[in-house]
PDB file of N, CA and C in Angstrom:
ATOM      1  N   MET A   1       7.625  46.496 -15.026  1.00  0.00           N
ATOM      2  CA  MET A   1       8.282  46.260 -16.280  1.00  0.00           C
ATOM      3  C   MET A   1       8.870  44.845 -16.335  1.00  0.00           C
ATOM      4  N   LYS A   2       9.434  44.454 -15.213  1.00  0.00           N
ATOM      5  CA  LYS A   2      10.020  43.129 -15.142  1.00  0.00           C
ATOM      6  C   LYS A   2       8.942  42.058 -15.318  1.00  0.00           C
ATOM      7  N   LYS A   3       7.778  42.281 -14.712  1.00  0.00           N
ATOM      8  CA  LYS A   3       6.677  41.327 -14.824  1.00  0.00           C
ATOM      9  C   LYS A   3       6.172  41.240 -16.262  1.00  0.00           C
ATOM     10  N   ILE A   4       6.164  42.368 -16.939  1.00  0.00           N
ATOM     11  CA  ILE A   4       5.712  42.378 -18.333  1.00  0.00           C
ATOM     12  C   ILE A   4       6.670  41.572 -19.203  1.00  0.00           C
ATOM     13  N   ILE A   5       7.958  41.736 -18.990  1.00  0.00           N
ATOM     14  CA  ILE A   5       8.959  41.002 -19.775  1.00  0.00           C
ATOM     15  C   ILE A   5       8.857  39.504 -19.484  1.00  0.00           C
ATOM     16  N   VAL A   6       8.696  39.149 -18.221  1.00  0.00           N
ATOM     17  CA  VAL A   6       8.565  37.746 -17.856  1.00  0.00           C
ATOM     18  C   VAL A   6       7.286  37.167 -18.468  1.00  0.00           C
ATOM     19  N   THR A   7       6.202  37.923 -18.417  1.00  0.00           N
ATOM     20  CA  THR A   7       4.938  37.483 -18.989  1.00  0.00           C
ATOM     21  C   THR A   7       5.064  37.299 -20.497  1.00  0.00           C
ATOM     22  N   LEU A   8       5.689  38.251 -21.174  1.00  0.00           N
ATOM     23  CA  LEU A   8       5.893  38.139 -22.625  1.00  0.00           C
ATOM     24  C   LEU A   8       6.785  36.938 -22.961  1.00  0.00           C
ATOM     25  N   GLY A   9       7.803  36.726 -22.143  1.00  0.00           N
ATOM     26  CA  GLY A   9       8.680  35.565 -22.348  1.00  0.00           C
ATOM     27  C   GLY A   9       7.916  34.263 -22.182  1.00  0.00           C
ATOM     28  N   PHE A  10       7.040  34.228 -21.173  1.00  0.00           N
ATOM     29  CA  PHE A  10       6.219  33.044 -20.930  1.00  0.00           C
ATOM     30  C   PHE A  10       5.253  32.796 -22.081  1.00  0.00           C
ATOM     31  N   ILE A  11       4.633  33.852 -22.585  1.00  0.00           N
ATOM     32  CA  ILE A  11       3.720  33.760 -23.721  1.00  0.00           C
ATOM     33  C   ILE A  11       4.475  33.281 -24.966  1.00  0.00           C
ATOM     34  N   ALA A  12       5.671  33.812 -25.184  1.00  0.00           N
ATOM     35  CA  ALA A  12       6.484  33.397 -26.324  1.00  0.00           C
ATOM     36  C   ALA A  12       6.844  31.922 -26.207  1.00  0.00           C
ATOM     37  N   LEU A  13       7.133  31.480 -24.988  1.00  0.00           N
ATOM     38  CA  LEU A  13       7.454  30.073 -24.754  1.00  0.00           C
ATOM     39  C   LEU A  13       6.239  29.183 -25.067  1.00  0.00           C
ATOM     40  N   LEU A  14       5.060  29.608 -24.647  1.00  0.00           N
ATOM     41  CA  LEU A  14       3.837  28.848 -24.930  1.00  0.00           C
ATOM     42  C   LEU A  14       3.550  28.788 -26.425  1.00  0.00           C
ATOM     43  N   ILE A  15       3.732  29.905 -27.095  1.00  0.00           N
ATOM     44  CA  ILE A  15       3.469  29.958 -28.534  1.00  0.00           C
ATOM     45  C   ILE A  15       4.468  29.073 -29.284  1.00  0.00           C
ATOM     46  N   SER A  16       5.721  29.084 -28.868  1.00  0.00           N
ATOM     47  CA  SER A  16       6.726  28.273 -29.554  1.00  0.00           C
ATOM     48  C   SER A  16       6.511  26.785 -29.291  1.00  0.00           C
ATOM     49  N   CYS A  17       5.935  26.432 -28.188  1.00  0.00           N
ATOM     50  CA  CYS A  17       5.680  25.025 -27.863  1.00  0.00           C
ATOM     51  C   CYS A  17       4.397  24.514 -28.513  1.00  0.00           C
ATOM     52  N   LYS A  18       3.560  25.372 -28.961  1.00  0.00           N
ATOM     53  CA  LYS A  18       2.262  24.988 -29.479  1.00  0.00           C
ATOM     54  C   LYS A  18       2.347  23.976 -30.634  1.00  0.00           C
ATOM     55  N   PRO A  19       3.169  24.208 -31.684  1.00  0.00           N
ATOM     56  CA  PRO A  19       3.249  23.213 -32.763  1.00  0.00           C
ATOM     57  C   PRO A  19       3.772  21.865 -32.267  1.00  0.00           C
ATOM     58  N   GLU A  20       4.728  21.929 -31.350  1.00  0.00           N
ATOM     59  CA  GLU A  20       5.276  20.689 -30.812  1.00  0.00           C
ATOM     60  C   GLU A  20       4.206  19.941 -30.008  1.00  0.00           C
ATOM     61  N   THR A  21       3.438  20.679 -29.257  1.00  0.00           N
ATOM     62  CA  THR A  21       2.358  20.082 -28.488  1.00  0.00           C
ATOM     63  C   THR A  21       1.314  19.477 -29.422  1.00  0.00           C
ATOM     64  N   LYS A  22       1.034  20.180 -30.501  1.00  0.00           N
ATOM     65  CA  LYS A  22       0.068  19.668 -31.475  1.00  0.00           C
ATOM     66  C   LYS A  22       0.568  18.355 -32.074  1.00  0.00           C
ATOM     67  N   GLU A  23       1.870  18.293 -32.382  1.00  0.00           N
ATOM     68  CA  GLU A  23       2.443  17.063 -32.912  1.00  0.00           C
ATOM     69  C   GLU A  23       2.317  15.928 -31.906  1.00  0.00           C
ATOM     70  N   LYS A  24       2.580  16.240 -30.646  1.00  0.00           N
ATOM     71  CA  LYS A  24       2.475  15.215 -29.606  1.00  0.00           C
ATOM     72  C   LYS A  24       1.033  14.735 -29.480  1.00  0.00           C
ATOM     73  N   LEU A  25       0.100  15.665 -29.549  1.00  0.00           N
ATOM     74  CA  LEU A  25      -1.307  15.279 -29.481  1.00  0.00           C
ATOM     75  C   LEU A  25      -1.707  14.426 -30.672  1.00  0.00           C
ATOM     76  N   ASP A  26      -1.222  14.785 -31.860  1.00  0.00           N
ATOM     77  CA  ASP A  26      -1.510  13.986 -33.058  1.00  0.00           C
ATOM     78  C   ASP A  26      -0.908  12.582 -32.920  1.00  0.00           C
ATOM     79  N   ASP A  27       0.331  12.527 -32.408  1.00  0.00           N
ATOM     80  CA  ASP A  27       0.978  11.228 -32.206  1.00  0.00           C
ATOM     81  C   ASP A  27       0.196  10.383 -31.197  1.00  0.00           C
ATOM     82  N   ALA A  28      -0.225  11.033 -30.123  1.00  0.00           N
ATOM     83  CA  ALA A  28      -0.994  10.309 -29.104  1.00  0.00           C
ATOM     84  C   ALA A  28      -2.320   9.826 -29.674  1.00  0.00           C
ATOM     85  N   LYS A  29      -2.970  10.680 -30.467  1.00  0.00           N
ATOM     86  CA  LYS A  29      -4.243  10.305 -31.083  1.00  0.00           C
ATOM     87  C   LYS A  29      -4.048   9.114 -32.012  1.00  0.00           C
ATOM     88  N   ASN A  30      -2.995   9.144 -32.804  1.00  0.00           N
ATOM     89  CA  ASN A  30      -2.712   8.039 -33.718  1.00  0.00           C
ATOM     90  C   ASN A  30      -2.397   6.754 -32.949  1.00  0.00           C
ATOM     91  N   ALA A  31      -1.638   6.894 -31.862  1.00  0.00           N
ATOM     92  CA  ALA A  31      -1.293   5.720 -31.055  1.00  0.00           C
ATOM     93  C   ALA A  31      -2.539   5.100 -30.434  1.00  0.00           C
ATOM     94  N   VAL A  32      -3.412   5.937 -29.911  1.00  0.00           N
ATOM     95  CA  VAL A  32      -4.655   5.431 -29.313  1.00  0.00           C
ATOM     96  C   VAL A  32      -5.520   4.771 -30.389  1.00  0.00           C
ATOM     97  N   GLY A  33      -5.617   5.404 -31.546  1.00  0.00           N
ATOM     98  CA  GLY A  33      -6.394   4.819 -32.643  1.00  0.00           C
ATOM     99  C   GLY A  33      -5.841   3.473 -33.066  1.00  0.00           C
ATOM    100  N   LEU A  34      -4.517   3.365 -33.155  1.00  0.00           N
ATOM    101  CA  LEU A  34      -3.882   2.113 -33.534  1.00  0.00           C
ATOM    102  C   LEU A  34      -4.112   1.045 -32.466  1.00  0.00           C
ATOM    103  N   GLU A  35      -4.002   1.441 -31.208  1.00  0.00           N
ATOM    104  CA  GLU A  35      -4.219   0.493 -30.116  1.00  0.00           C
ATOM    105  C   GLU A  35      -5.660  -0.019 -30.111  1.00  0.00           C
ATOM    106  N   ILE A  36      -6.599   0.868 -30.354  1.00  0.00           N
ATOM    107  CA  ILE A  36      -8.008   0.460 -30.414  1.00  0.00           C
ATOM    108  C   ILE A  36      -8.230  -0.504 -31.574  1.00  0.00           C
ATOM    109  N   LYS A  37      -7.636  -0.188 -32.722  1.00  0.00           N
ATOM    110  CA  LYS A  37      -7.782  -1.065 -33.891  1.00  0.00           C
ATOM    111  C   LYS A  37      -7.196  -2.438 -33.603  1.00  0.00           C
ATOM    112  N   GLU A  38      -6.018  -2.479 -32.972  1.00  0.00           N
ATOM    113  CA  GLU A  38      -5.391  -3.759 -32.645  1.00  0.00           C
ATOM    114  C   GLU A  38      -6.238  -4.542 -31.650  1.00  0.00           C
ATOM    115  N   THR A  39      -6.822  -3.862 -30.683  1.00  0.00           N
ATOM    116  CA  THR A  39      -7.673  -4.518 -29.700  1.00  0.00           C
ATOM    117  C   THR A  39      -8.910  -5.095 -30.376  1.00  0.00           C
ATOM    118  N   ILE A  40      -9.497  -4.330 -31.272  1.00  0.00           N
ATOM    119  CA  ILE A  40     -10.680  -4.810 -31.996  1.00  0.00           C
ATOM    120  C   ILE A  40     -10.317  -6.008 -32.861  1.00  0.00           C
ATOM    121  N   ASP A  41      -9.178  -5.929 -33.549  1.00  0.00           N
ATOM    122  CA  ASP A  41      -8.745  -7.054 -34.382  1.00  0.00           C
ATOM    123  C   ASP A  41      -8.505  -8.298 -33.529  1.00  0.00           C
ATOM    124  N   SER A  42      -7.881  -8.110 -32.384  1.00  0.00           N
ATOM    125  CA  SER A  42      -7.619  -9.223 -31.479  1.00  0.00           C
ATOM    126  C   SER A  42      -8.921  -9.832 -30.983  1.00  0.00           C
ATOM    127  N   ALA A  43      -9.860  -8.994 -30.604  1.00  0.00           N
ATOM    128  CA  ALA A  43     -11.159  -9.490 -30.140  1.00  0.00           C
ATOM    129  C   ALA A  43     -11.887 -10.216 -31.263  1.00  0.00           C
ATOM    130  N   LYS A  44     -11.766  -9.706 -32.473  1.00  0.00           N
ATOM    131  CA  LYS A  44     -12.411 -10.335 -33.627  1.00  0.00           C
ATOM    132  C   LYS A  44     -11.834 -11.733 -33.863  1.00  0.00           C
ATOM    133  N   ILE A  45     -10.514 -11.837 -33.779  1.00  0.00           N
ATOM    134  CA  ILE A  45      -9.865 -13.135 -33.988  1.00  0.00           C
ATOM    135  C   ILE A  45     -10.281 -14.121 -32.897  1.00  0.00           C
ATOM    136  N   LYS A  46     -10.314 -13.648 -31.647  1.00  0.00           N
ATOM    137  CA  LYS A  46     -10.729 -14.525 -30.545  1.00  0.00           C
ATOM    138  C   LYS A  46     -12.172 -14.976 -30.735  1.00  0.00           C
ATOM    139  N   ALA A  47     -13.030 -14.059 -31.157  1.00  0.00           N
ATOM    140  CA  ALA A  47     -14.440 -14.397 -31.367  1.00  0.00           C
ATOM    141  C   ALA A  47     -14.579 -15.417 -32.497  1.00  0.00           C
ATOM    142  N   GLU A  48     -13.847 -15.213 -33.585  1.00  0.00           N
ATOM    143  CA  GLU A  48     -13.916 -16.150 -34.702  1.00  0.00           C
ATOM    144  C   GLU A  48     -13.416 -17.530 -34.282  1.00  0.00           C
ATOM    145  N   THR A  49     -12.346 -17.563 -33.501  1.00  0.00           N
ATOM    146  CA  THR A  49     -11.802 -18.833 -33.026  1.00  0.00           C
ATOM    147  C   THR A  49     -12.811 -19.538 -32.132  1.00  0.00           C
ATOM    148  N   THR A  50     -13.430 -18.782 -31.240  1.00  0.00           N
ATOM    149  CA  THR A  50     -14.432 -19.357 -30.346  1.00  0.00           C
ATOM    150  C   THR A  50     -15.628 -19.871 -31.133  1.00  0.00           C
ATOM    151  N   LEU A  51     -16.078 -19.097 -32.120  1.00  0.00           N
ATOM    152  CA  LEU A  51     -17.206 -19.531 -32.940  1.00  0.00           C
ATOM    153  C   LEU A  51     -16.874 -20.797 -33.726  1.00  0.00           C
ATOM    154  N   ASP A  52     -15.662 -20.846 -34.283  1.00  0.00           N
ATOM    155  CA  ASP A  52     -15.254 -22.040 -35.026  1.00  0.00           C
ATOM    156  C   ASP A  52     -15.219 -23.256 -34.107  1.00  0.00           C
ATOM    157  N   SER A  53     -14.664 -23.076 -32.919  1.00  0.00           N
ATOM    158  CA  SER A  53     -14.585 -24.170 -31.951  1.00  0.00           C
ATOM    159  C   SER A  53     -15.976 -24.636 -31.538  1.00  0.00           C
ATOM    160  N   THR A  54     -16.859 -23.680 -31.293  1.00  0.00           N
ATOM    161  CA  THR A  54     -18.234 -24.012 -30.911  1.00  0.00           C
ATOM    162  C   THR A  54     -18.946 -24.721 -32.048  1.00  0.00           C
ATOM    163  N   LYS A  55     -18.725 -24.261 -33.272  1.00  0.00           N
ATOM    164  CA  LYS A  55     -19.354 -24.888 -34.440  1.00  0.00           C
ATOM    165  C   LYS A  55     -18.911 -26.349 -34.559  1.00  0.00           C
ATOM    166  N   ILE A  56     -17.628 -26.600 -34.351  1.00  0.00           N
ATOM    167  CA  ILE A  56     -17.110 -27.966 -34.447  1.00  0.00           C
ATOM    168  C   ILE A  56     -17.721 -28.838 -33.353  1.00  0.00           C
ATOM    169  N   LYS A  57     -17.818 -28.299 -32.137  1.00  0.00           N
ATOM    170  CA  LYS A  57     -18.412 -29.061 -31.037  1.00  0.00           C
ATOM    171  C   LYS A  57     -19.879 -29.383 -31.325  1.00  0.00           C
ATOM    172  N   ILE A  58     -20.611 -28.411 -31.826  1.00  0.00           N
ATOM    173  CA  ILE A  58     -22.027 -28.625 -32.134  1.00  0.00           C
ATOM    174  C   ILE A  58     -22.185 -29.660 -33.238  1.00  0.00           C
ATOM    175  N   GLU A  59     -21.359 -29.545 -34.283  1.00  0.00           N
ATOM    176  CA  GLU A  59     -21.437 -30.522 -35.373  1.00  0.00           C
ATOM    177  C   GLU A  59     -21.139 -31.928 -34.864  1.00  0.00           C
ATOM    178  N   SER A  60     -20.159 -32.041 -33.969  1.00  0.00           N
ATOM    179  CA  SER A  60     -19.812 -33.338 -33.403  1.00  0.00           C
ATOM    180  C   SER A  60     -20.969 -33.899 -32.588  1.00  0.00           C
ATOM    181  N   LYS A  61     -21.583 -33.040 -31.767  1.00  0.00           N
ATOM    182  CA  LYS A  61     -22.722 -33.485 -30.964  1.00  0.00           C
ATOM    183  C   LYS A  61     -23.905 -33.872 -31.849  1.00  0.00           C
ATOM    184  N   MET A  62     -24.119 -33.099 -32.917  1.00  0.00           N
ATOM    185  CA  MET A  62     -25.220 -33.420 -33.838  1.00  0.00           C
ATOM    186  C   MET A  62     -24.974 -34.761 -34.512  1.00  0.00           C
ATOM    187  N   ASP A  63     -23.729 -35.029 -34.902  1.00  0.00           N
ATOM    188  CA  ASP A  63     -23.401 -36.317 -35.511  1.00  0.00           C
ATOM    189  C   ASP A  63     -23.683 -37.456 -34.531  1.00  0.00           C
ATOM    190  N   THR A  64     -23.319 -37.241 -33.271  1.00  0.00           N
ATOM    191  CA  THR A  64     -23.561 -38.254 -32.249  1.00  0.00           C
ATOM    192  C   THR A  64     -25.057 -38.470 -32.055  1.00  0.00           C
ATOM    193  N   ILE A  65     -25.815 -37.385 -31.985  1.00  0.00           N
ATOM    194  CA  ILE A  65     -27.266 -37.487 -31.807  1.00  0.00           C
ATOM    195  C   ILE A  65     -27.910 -38.199 -32.992  1.00  0.00           C
ATOM    196  N   VAL A  66     -27.502 -37.841 -34.196  1.00  0.00           N
ATOM    197  CA  VAL A  66     -28.058 -38.477 -35.398  1.00  0.00           C
ATOM    198  C   VAL A  66     -27.704 -39.960 -35.397  1.00  0.00           C
ATOM    199  N   SER A  67     -26.484 -40.277 -35.022  1.00  0.00           N
ATOM    200  CA  SER A  67     -26.059 -41.673 -34.984  1.00  0.00           C
ATOM    201  C   SER A  67     -26.870 -42.467 -33.963  1.00  0.00           C
ATOM    202  N   LYS A  68     -27.060 -41.878 -32.770  1.00  0.00           N
ATOM    203  CA  LYS A  68     -27.860 -42.561 -31.748  1.00  0.00           C
ATOM    204  C   LYS A  68     -29.312 -42.712 -32.203  1.00  0.00           C
ATOM    205  N   GLY A  69     -29.832 -41.662 -32.843  1.00  0.00           N
ATOM    206  CA  GLY A  69     -31.201 -41.719 -33.354  1.00  0.00           C
ATOM    207  C   GLY A  69     -31.348 -42.806 -34.400  1.00  0.00           C
ATOM    208  N   ALA A  70     -30.380 -42.917 -35.286  1.00  0.00           N
ATOM    209  CA  ALA A  70     -30.416 -43.944 -36.325  1.00  0.00           C
ATOM    210  C   ALA A  70     -30.344 -45.326 -35.694  1.00  0.00           C
ATOM    211  N   GLN A  71     -29.530 -45.477 -34.670  1.00  0.00           N
ATOM    212  CA  GLN A  71     -29.411 -46.762 -33.980  1.00  0.00           C
ATOM    213  C   GLN A  71     -30.737 -47.145 -33.324  1.00  0.00           C
ATOM    214  N   LYS A  72     -31.417 -46.186 -32.723  1.00  0.00           N
ATOM    215  CA  LYS A  72     -32.716 -46.456 -32.089  1.00  0.00           C
ATOM    216  C   LYS A  72     -33.760 -46.856 -33.128  1.00  0.00           C
ATOM    217  N   VAL A  73     -33.709 -46.209 -34.297  1.00  0.00           N
ATOM    218  CA  VAL A  73     -34.645 -46.555 -35.368  1.00  0.00           C
ATOM    219  C   VAL A  73     -34.371 -47.983 -35.840  1.00  0.00           C
ATOM    220  N   GLU A  74     -33.104 -48.334 -35.967  1.00  0.00           N
ATOM    221  CA  GLU A  74     -32.754 -49.705 -36.381  1.00  0.00           C
ATOM    222  C   GLU A  74     -33.207 -50.717 -35.337  1.00  0.00           C
ATOM    223  N   ASP A  75     -33.001 -50.393 -34.064  1.00  0.00           N
ATOM    224  CA  ASP A  75     -33.434 -51.298 -32.992  1.00  0.00           C
ATOM    225  C   ASP A  75     -34.941 -51.486 -33.032  1.00  0.00           C
ATOM    226  N   ALA A  76     -35.667 -50.385 -33.225  1.00  0.00           N
ATOM    227  CA  ALA A  76     -37.125 -50.470 -33.299  1.00  0.00           C
ATOM    228  C   ALA A  76     -37.543 -51.295 -34.510  1.00  0.00           C
ATOM    229  N   ALA A  77     -36.868 -51.146 -35.626  1.00  0.00           N
ATOM    230  CA  ALA A  77     -37.186 -51.918 -36.833  1.00  0.00           C
ATOM    231  C   ALA A  77     -36.935 -53.403 -36.588  1.00  0.00           C
ATOM    232  N   GLN A  78     -35.861 -53.730 -35.885  1.00  0.00           N
ATOM    233  CA  GLN A  78     -35.563 -55.136 -35.567  1.00  0.00           C
ATOM    234  C   GLN A  78     -36.654 -55.730 -34.681  1.00  0.00           C
ATOM    235  N   LYS A  79     -37.124 -54.935 -33.714  1.00  0.00           N
ATOM    236  CA  LYS A  79     -38.189 -55.408 -32.829  1.00  0.00           C
ATOM    237  C   LYS A  79     -39.467 -55.669 -33.620  1.00  0.00           C
ATOM    238  N   VAL A  80     -39.753 -54.780 -34.548  1.00  0.00           N
ATOM    239  CA  VAL A  80     -40.953 -54.953 -35.382  1.00  0.00           C
ATOM    240  C   VAL A  80     -40.814 -56.217 -36.220  1.00  0.00           C
ATOM    241  N   LYS A  81     -39.641 -56.442 -36.807  1.00  0.00           N
ATOM    242  CA  LYS A  81     -39.409 -57.647 -37.616  1.00  0.00           C
ATOM    243  C   LYS A  81     -39.592 -58.899 -36.772  1.00  0.00           C
ATOM    244  N   LYS A  82     -39.027 -58.881 -35.553  1.00  0.00           N
ATOM    245  CA  LYS A  82     -39.154 -60.054 -34.672  1.00  0.00           C
ATOM    246  C   LYS A  82     -40.612 -60.273 -34.297  1.00  0.00           C
ATOM    247  N   SER A  83     -41.292 -59.154 -34.039  1.00  0.00           N
ATOM    248  CA  SER A  83     -42.703 -59.248 -33.673  1.00  0.00           C
ATOM    249  C   SER A  83     -43.510 -59.836 -34.817  1.00  0.00           C
ATOM    250  N   ILE A  84     -43.216 -59.449 -36.026  1.00  0.00           N
ATOM    251  CA  ILE A  84     -43.939 -59.948 -37.196  1.00  0.00           C
ATOM    252  C   ILE A  84     -43.619 -61.441 -37.389  1.00  0.00           C
ATOM    253  N   LYS A  85     -42.354 -61.849 -37.214  1.00  0.00           N
ATOM    254  CA  LYS A  85     -41.973 -63.246 -37.373  1.00  0.00           C
ATOM    255  C   LYS A  85     -42.654 -64.114 -36.313  1.00  0.00           C
ATOM    256  N   ASN A  86     -42.725 -63.582 -35.083  1.00  0.00           N
ATOM    257  CA  ASN A  86     -43.340 -64.348 -33.998  1.00  0.00           C
ATOM    258  C   ASN A  86     -44.856 -64.507 -34.191  1.00  0.00           C
ATOM    259  N   ASN A  87     -45.479 -63.527 -34.817  1.00  0.00           N
ATOM    260  CA  ASN A  87     -46.928 -63.601 -35.052  1.00  0.00           C
ATOM    261  C   ASN A  87     -47.271 -64.544 -36.204  1.00  0.00           C
ATOM    262  N   ASN A  88     -46.352 -64.793 -37.091  1.00  0.00           N
ATOM    263  CA  ASN A  88     -46.607 -65.665 -38.240  1.00  0.00           C
ATOM    264  C   ASN A  88     -46.353 -67.058 -37.870  1.00  0.00           C
TER     265      ASN A  88
END
């Protein structure tokens, strides 16, 4: 009889804790969801920053390459002009 009363008391305790446990699980689920969202947002911002930085570096290198290419074309044009003047 004593075991039955203790068992019923234990069952009553579990049943009474169930809504509270559900709330804790919901809170934990929401916290994990929020943490995941914040992590994704943070990663997105870092990726965008890295992409912007890389884009600027590439544009700078392209400007340098175009400038050097233009300089080589001008040098070649000067050589052609000198060659033409020397032949005349």
